[in-house]
């Protein structure tokens, strides 16, 4: 009976850690994708308004 309890705890811990690892990996990949998209979007937007010198007059009147 002790063996069954030990195996039960082992399987529960192993499953939890595996799940946390996969969630962490997925979140890291999504972060890289989101940051890359944000940087590309910001670069394109600034170029569309004529660079930083064109952006300032449009923002502040």
PDB file of N, CA and C in Angstrom:
ATOM      1  N   UNK A   1       0.829  -1.197   0.000  1.00  0.00           N
ATOM      2  CA  UNK A   1       0.000   0.000   0.000  1.00  0.00           C
ATOM      3  C   UNK A   1       0.869   1.255   0.000  1.00  0.00           C
ATOM      4  N   UNK A   2       1.997   1.195   0.684  1.00  0.00           N
ATOM      5  CA  UNK A   2       2.907   2.331   0.713  1.00  0.00           C
ATOM      6  C   UNK A   2       3.473   2.606  -0.675  1.00  0.00           C
ATOM      7  N   UNK A   3       3.728   1.537  -1.436  1.00  0.00           N
ATOM      8  CA  UNK A   3       4.241   1.689  -2.795  1.00  0.00           C
ATOM      9  C   UNK A   3       3.231   2.412  -3.683  1.00  0.00           C
ATOM     10  N   UNK A   4       1.972   2.052  -3.540  1.00  0.00           N
ATOM     11  CA  UNK A   4       0.922   2.690  -4.340  1.00  0.00           C
ATOM     12  C   UNK A   4       0.828   4.178  -3.993  1.00  0.00           C
ATOM     13  N   UNK A   5       0.891   4.523  -2.721  1.00  0.00           N
ATOM     14  CA  UNK A   5       0.836   5.920  -2.301  1.00  0.00           C
ATOM     15  C   UNK A   5       2.035   6.708  -2.804  1.00  0.00           C
ATOM     16  N   UNK A   6       3.211   6.089  -2.742  1.00  0.00           N
ATOM     17  CA  UNK A   6       4.426   6.741  -3.231  1.00  0.00           C
ATOM     18  C   UNK A   6       4.346   6.981  -4.728  1.00  0.00           C
ATOM     19  N   UNK A   7       3.892   5.988  -5.461  1.00  0.00           N
ATOM     20  CA  UNK A   7       3.745   6.136  -6.909  1.00  0.00           C
ATOM     21  C   UNK A   7       2.693   7.186  -7.251  1.00  0.00           C
ATOM     22  N   UNK A   8       1.635   7.232  -6.479  1.00  0.00           N
ATOM     23  CA  UNK A   8       0.588   8.226  -6.697  1.00  0.00           C
ATOM     24  C   UNK A   8       1.141   9.641  -6.540  1.00  0.00           C
ATOM     25  N   UNK A   9       1.910   9.868  -5.485  1.00  0.00           N
ATOM     26  CA  UNK A   9       2.514  11.185  -5.260  1.00  0.00           C
ATOM     27  C   UNK A   9       3.506  11.501  -6.373  1.00  0.00           C
ATOM     28  N   UNK A  10       4.329  10.528  -6.760  1.00  0.00           N
ATOM     29  CA  UNK A  10       5.301  10.737  -7.820  1.00  0.00           C
ATOM     30  C   UNK A  10       4.623  11.139  -9.125  1.00  0.00           C
ATOM     31  N   UNK A  11       3.578  10.421  -9.500  1.00  0.00           N
ATOM     32  CA  UNK A  11       2.866  10.709 -10.747  1.00  0.00           C
ATOM     33  C   UNK A  11       2.207  12.089 -10.683  1.00  0.00           C
ATOM     34  N   UNK A  12       1.648  12.446  -9.549  1.00  0.00           N
ATOM     35  CA  UNK A  12       1.005  13.754  -9.412  1.00  0.00           C
ATOM     36  C   UNK A  12       2.032  14.883  -9.547  1.00  0.00           C
ATOM     37  N   UNK A  13       3.171  14.742  -8.894  1.00  0.00           N
ATOM     38  CA  UNK A  13       4.209  15.768  -8.974  1.00  0.00           C
ATOM     39  C   UNK A  13       4.777  15.845 -10.379  1.00  0.00           C
ATOM     40  N   UNK A  14       5.059  14.708 -10.973  1.00  0.00           N
ATOM     41  CA  UNK A  14       5.620  14.668 -12.327  1.00  0.00           C
ATOM     42  C   UNK A  14       4.663  15.309 -13.338  1.00  0.00           C
ATOM     43  N   UNK A  15       3.383  15.001 -13.233  1.00  0.00           N
ATOM     44  CA  UNK A  15       2.386  15.568 -14.148  1.00  0.00           C
ATOM     45  C   UNK A  15       2.267  17.076 -13.961  1.00  0.00           C
ATOM     46  N   UNK A  16       2.278  17.520 -12.727  1.00  0.00           N
ATOM     47  CA  UNK A  16       2.170  18.958 -12.460  1.00  0.00           C
ATOM     48  C   UNK A  16       3.369  19.714 -13.012  1.00  0.00           C
ATOM     49  N   UNK A  17       4.574  19.185 -12.785  1.00  0.00           N
ATOM     50  CA  UNK A  17       5.766  19.861 -13.279  1.00  0.00           C
ATOM     51  C   UNK A  17       5.820  19.855 -14.799  1.00  0.00           C
ATOM     52  N   UNK A  18       5.392  18.777 -15.409  1.00  0.00           N
ATOM     53  CA  UNK A  18       5.373  18.725 -16.876  1.00  0.00           C
ATOM     54  C   UNK A  18       4.392  19.741 -17.439  1.00  0.00           C
ATOM     55  N   UNK A  19       3.250  19.854 -16.805  1.00  0.00           N
ATOM     56  CA  UNK A  19       2.254  20.830 -17.244  1.00  0.00           C
ATOM     57  C   UNK A  19       2.757  22.252 -17.098  1.00  0.00           C
ATOM     58  N   UNK A  20       3.405  22.531 -15.971  1.00  0.00           N
ATOM     59  CA  UNK A  20       3.949  23.874 -15.755  1.00  0.00           C
ATOM     60  C   UNK A  20       5.048  24.188 -16.760  1.00  0.00           C
ATOM     61  N   UNK A  21       5.855  23.211 -17.082  1.00  0.00           N
ATOM     62  CA  UNK A  21       6.939  23.430 -18.047  1.00  0.00           C
ATOM     63  C   UNK A  21       6.370  23.740 -19.427  1.00  0.00           C
ATOM     64  N   UNK A  22       5.348  23.013 -19.831  1.00  0.00           N
ATOM     65  CA  UNK A  22       4.779  23.262 -21.159  1.00  0.00           C
ATOM     66  C   UNK A  22       4.076  24.617 -21.220  1.00  0.00           C
ATOM     67  N   UNK A  23       3.415  25.007 -20.147  1.00  0.00           N
ATOM     68  CA  UNK A  23       2.771  26.315 -20.111  1.00  0.00           C
ATOM     69  C   UNK A  23       3.825  27.420 -20.159  1.00  0.00           C
ATOM     70  N   UNK A  24       4.903  27.245 -19.425  1.00  0.00           N
ATOM     71  CA  UNK A  24       5.987  28.227 -19.433  1.00  0.00           C
ATOM     72  C   UNK A  24       6.610  28.351 -20.817  1.00  0.00           C
ATOM     73  N   UNK A  25       6.837  27.248 -21.480  1.00  0.00           N
ATOM     74  CA  UNK A  25       7.409  27.268 -22.823  1.00  0.00           C
ATOM     75  C   UNK A  25       6.471  27.962 -23.807  1.00  0.00           C
ATOM     76  N   UNK A  26       5.201  27.628 -23.741  1.00  0.00           N
ATOM     77  CA  UNK A  26       4.211  28.235 -24.631  1.00  0.00           C
ATOM     78  C   UNK A  26       4.118  29.742 -24.402  1.00  0.00           C
ATOM     79  N   UNK A  27       4.098  30.163 -23.137  1.00  0.00           N
ATOM     80  CA  UNK A  27       4.035  31.593 -22.827  1.00  0.00           C
ATOM     81  C   UNK A  27       5.273  32.329 -23.335  1.00  0.00           C
ATOM     82  N   UNK A  28       6.428  31.706 -23.220  1.00  0.00           N
ATOM     83  CA  UNK A  28       7.663  32.336 -23.703  1.00  0.00           C
ATOM     84  C   UNK A  28       7.623  32.525 -25.214  1.00  0.00           C
ATOM     85  N   UNK A  29       7.164  31.521 -25.935  1.00  0.00           N
ATOM     86  CA  UNK A  29       7.064  31.617 -27.391  1.00  0.00           C
ATOM     87  C   UNK A  29       6.059  32.702 -27.785  1.00  0.00           C
ATOM     88  N   UNK A  30       4.918  32.745 -27.109  1.00  0.00           N
ATOM     89  CA  UNK A  30       3.914  33.758 -27.411  1.00  0.00           C
ATOM     90  C   UNK A  30       4.432  35.163 -27.101  1.00  0.00           C
ATOM     91  N   UNK A  31       5.227  35.311 -26.050  1.00  0.00           N
ATOM     92  CA  UNK A  31       5.808  36.608 -25.707  1.00  0.00           C
ATOM     93  C   UNK A  31       6.734  37.089 -26.819  1.00  0.00           C
ATOM     94  N   UNK A  32       7.580  36.202 -27.313  1.00  0.00           N
ATOM     95  CA  UNK A  32       8.507  36.577 -28.391  1.00  0.00           C
ATOM     96  C   UNK A  32       7.734  36.986 -29.638  1.00  0.00           C
ATOM     97  N   UNK A  33       6.701  36.237 -29.984  1.00  0.00           N
ATOM     98  CA  UNK A  33       5.891  36.562 -31.162  1.00  0.00           C
ATOM     99  C   UNK A  33       5.203  37.919 -30.979  1.00  0.00           C
ATOM    100  N   UNK A  34       4.622  38.163 -29.810  1.00  0.00           N
ATOM    101  CA  UNK A  34       3.911  39.417 -29.561  1.00  0.00           C
ATOM    102  C   UNK A  34       4.862  40.611 -29.568  1.00  0.00           C
ATOM    103  N   UNK A  35       6.031  40.462 -28.960  1.00  0.00           N
ATOM    104  CA  UNK A  35       6.985  41.567 -28.936  1.00  0.00           C
ATOM    105  C   UNK A  35       7.527  41.855 -30.329  1.00  0.00           C
ATOM    106  N   UNK A  36       7.780  40.828 -31.102  1.00  0.00           N
ATOM    107  CA  UNK A  36       8.247  41.028 -32.477  1.00  0.00           C
ATOM    108  C   UNK A  36       7.194  41.772 -33.290  1.00  0.00           C
ATOM    109  N   UNK A  37       5.948  41.368 -33.163  1.00  0.00           N
ATOM    110  CA  UNK A  37       4.865  42.057 -33.863  1.00  0.00           C
ATOM    111  C   UNK A  37       4.715  43.496 -33.427  1.00  0.00           C
ATOM    112  N   UNK A  38       4.860  43.765 -32.139  1.00  0.00           N
ATOM    113  CA  UNK A  38       4.746  45.133 -31.626  1.00  0.00           C
ATOM    114  C   UNK A  38       5.855  46.028 -32.163  1.00  0.00           C
ATOM    115  N   UNK A  39       7.065  45.498 -32.193  1.00  0.00           N
ATOM    116  CA  UNK A  39       8.201  46.281 -32.692  1.00  0.00           C
ATOM    117  C   UNK A  39       8.048  46.561 -34.187  1.00  0.00           C
ATOM    118  N   UNK A  40       7.635  45.558 -34.939  1.00  0.00           N
ATOM    119  CA  UNK A  40       7.431  45.752 -36.380  1.00  0.00           C
ATOM    120  C   UNK A  40       6.320  46.777 -36.618  1.00  0.00           C
ATOM    121  N   UNK A  41       5.222  46.665 -35.893  1.00  0.00           N
ATOM    122  CA  UNK A  41       4.110  47.601 -36.045  1.00  0.00           C
ATOM    123  C   UNK A  41       4.527  49.027 -35.701  1.00  0.00           C
ATOM    124  N   UNK A  42       5.270  49.198 -34.614  1.00  0.00           N
ATOM    125  CA  UNK A  42       5.730  50.534 -34.231  1.00  0.00           C
ATOM    126  C   UNK A  42       6.657  51.117 -35.288  1.00  0.00           C
ATOM    127  N   UNK A  43       7.546  50.292 -35.827  1.00  0.00           N
ATOM    128  CA  UNK A  43       8.479  50.758 -36.862  1.00  0.00           C
ATOM    129  C   UNK A  43       7.726  51.191 -38.117  1.00  0.00           C
ATOM    130  N   UNK A  44       6.771  50.392 -38.553  1.00  0.00           N
ATOM    131  CA  UNK A  44       5.988  50.723 -39.742  1.00  0.00           C
ATOM    132  C   UNK A  44       5.165  51.994 -39.506  1.00  0.00           C
ATOM    133  N   UNK A  45       4.579  52.127 -38.333  1.00  0.00           N
ATOM    134  CA  UNK A  45       3.754  53.299 -38.041  1.00  0.00           C
ATOM    135  C   UNK A  45       4.584  54.582 -38.046  1.00  0.00           C
ATOM    136  N   UNK A  46       5.770  54.532 -37.455  1.00  0.00           N
ATOM    137  CA  UNK A  46       6.624  55.727 -37.421  1.00  0.00           C
ATOM    138  C   UNK A  46       7.090  56.080 -38.829  1.00  0.00           C
ATOM    139  N   UNK A  47       7.396  55.078 -39.635  1.00  0.00           N
ATOM    140  CA  UNK A  47       7.809  55.354 -41.020  1.00  0.00           C
ATOM    141  C   UNK A  47       6.660  55.959 -41.825  1.00  0.00           C
ATOM    142  N   UNK A  48       5.424  55.541 -41.556  1.00  0.00           N
ATOM    143  CA  UNK A  48       4.265  56.040 -42.295  1.00  0.00           C
ATOM    144  C   UNK A  48       4.009  57.523 -42.046  1.00  0.00           C
ATOM    145  N   UNK A  49       4.350  58.016 -40.872  1.00  0.00           N
ATOM    146  CA  UNK A  49       4.108  59.430 -40.563  1.00  0.00           C
ATOM    147  C   UNK A  49       5.324  60.295 -40.850  1.00  0.00           C
ATOM    148  N   UNK A  50       6.355  59.736 -41.428  1.00  0.00           N
ATOM    149  CA  UNK A  50       7.517  60.525 -41.803  1.00  0.00           C
ATOM    150  C   UNK A  50       8.641  60.515 -40.786  1.00  0.00           C
ATOM    151  N   UNK A  51       8.755  59.465 -40.016  1.00  0.00           N
ATOM    152  CA  UNK A  51       9.816  59.372 -39.020  1.00  0.00           C
ATOM    153  C   UNK A  51       9.461  60.099 -37.737  1.00  0.00           C
ATOM    154  N   UNK A  52      10.442  60.193 -36.841  1.00  0.00           N
ATOM    155  CA  UNK A  52      10.186  60.846 -35.552  1.00  0.00           C
ATOM    156  C   UNK A  52       9.917  62.337 -35.726  1.00  0.00           C
ATOM    157  N   UNK A  53      10.568  62.954 -36.721  1.00  0.00           N
ATOM    158  CA  UNK A  53      10.331  64.386 -36.944  1.00  0.00           C
ATOM    159  C   UNK A  53       8.921  64.641 -37.464  1.00  0.00           C
ATOM    160  N   UNK A  54       8.330  63.682 -38.164  1.00  0.00           N
ATOM    161  CA  UNK A  54       6.952  63.822 -38.625  1.00  0.00           C
ATOM    162  C   UNK A  54       5.941  63.420 -37.574  1.00  0.00           C
ATOM    163  N   UNK A  55       6.362  62.613 -36.629  1.00  0.00           N
ATOM    164  CA  UNK A  55       5.449  62.135 -35.588  1.00  0.00           C
ATOM    165  C   UNK A  55       5.156  63.216 -34.550  1.00  0.00           C
ATOM    166  N   UNK A  56       6.176  63.956 -34.172  1.00  0.00           N
ATOM    167  CA  UNK A  56       6.005  64.962 -33.117  1.00  0.00           C
ATOM    168  C   UNK A  56       4.978  66.025 -33.451  1.00  0.00           C
ATOM    169  N   UNK A  57       4.978  66.616 -34.632  1.00  0.00           N
ATOM    170  CA  UNK A  57       3.937  67.619 -34.935  1.00  0.00           C
ATOM    171  C   UNK A  57       2.520  67.027 -34.952  1.00  0.00           C
ATOM    172  N   UNK A  58       2.422  65.773 -35.397  1.00  0.00           N
ATOM    173  CA  UNK A  58       1.090  65.151 -35.435  1.00  0.00           C
ATOM    174  C   UNK A  58       0.566  64.840 -34.039  1.00  0.00           C
ATOM    175  N   UNK A  59       1.462  64.572 -33.112  1.00  0.00           N
ATOM    176  CA  UNK A  59       1.039  64.283 -31.751  1.00  0.00           C
ATOM    177  C   UNK A  59       0.694  65.550 -30.970  1.00  0.00           C
ATOM    178  N   UNK A  60       1.518  66.581 -31.130  1.00  0.00           N
ATOM    179  CA  UNK A  60       1.395  67.766 -30.301  1.00  0.00           C
ATOM    180  C   UNK A  60       0.777  68.962 -31.022  1.00  0.00           C
ATOM    181  N   UNK A  61       0.198  68.710 -32.172  1.00  0.00           N
ATOM    182  CA  UNK A  61      -0.531  69.779 -32.823  1.00  0.00           C
ATOM    183  C   UNK A  61       0.248  70.411 -33.882  1.00  0.00           C
TER     184      UNK A  61
END
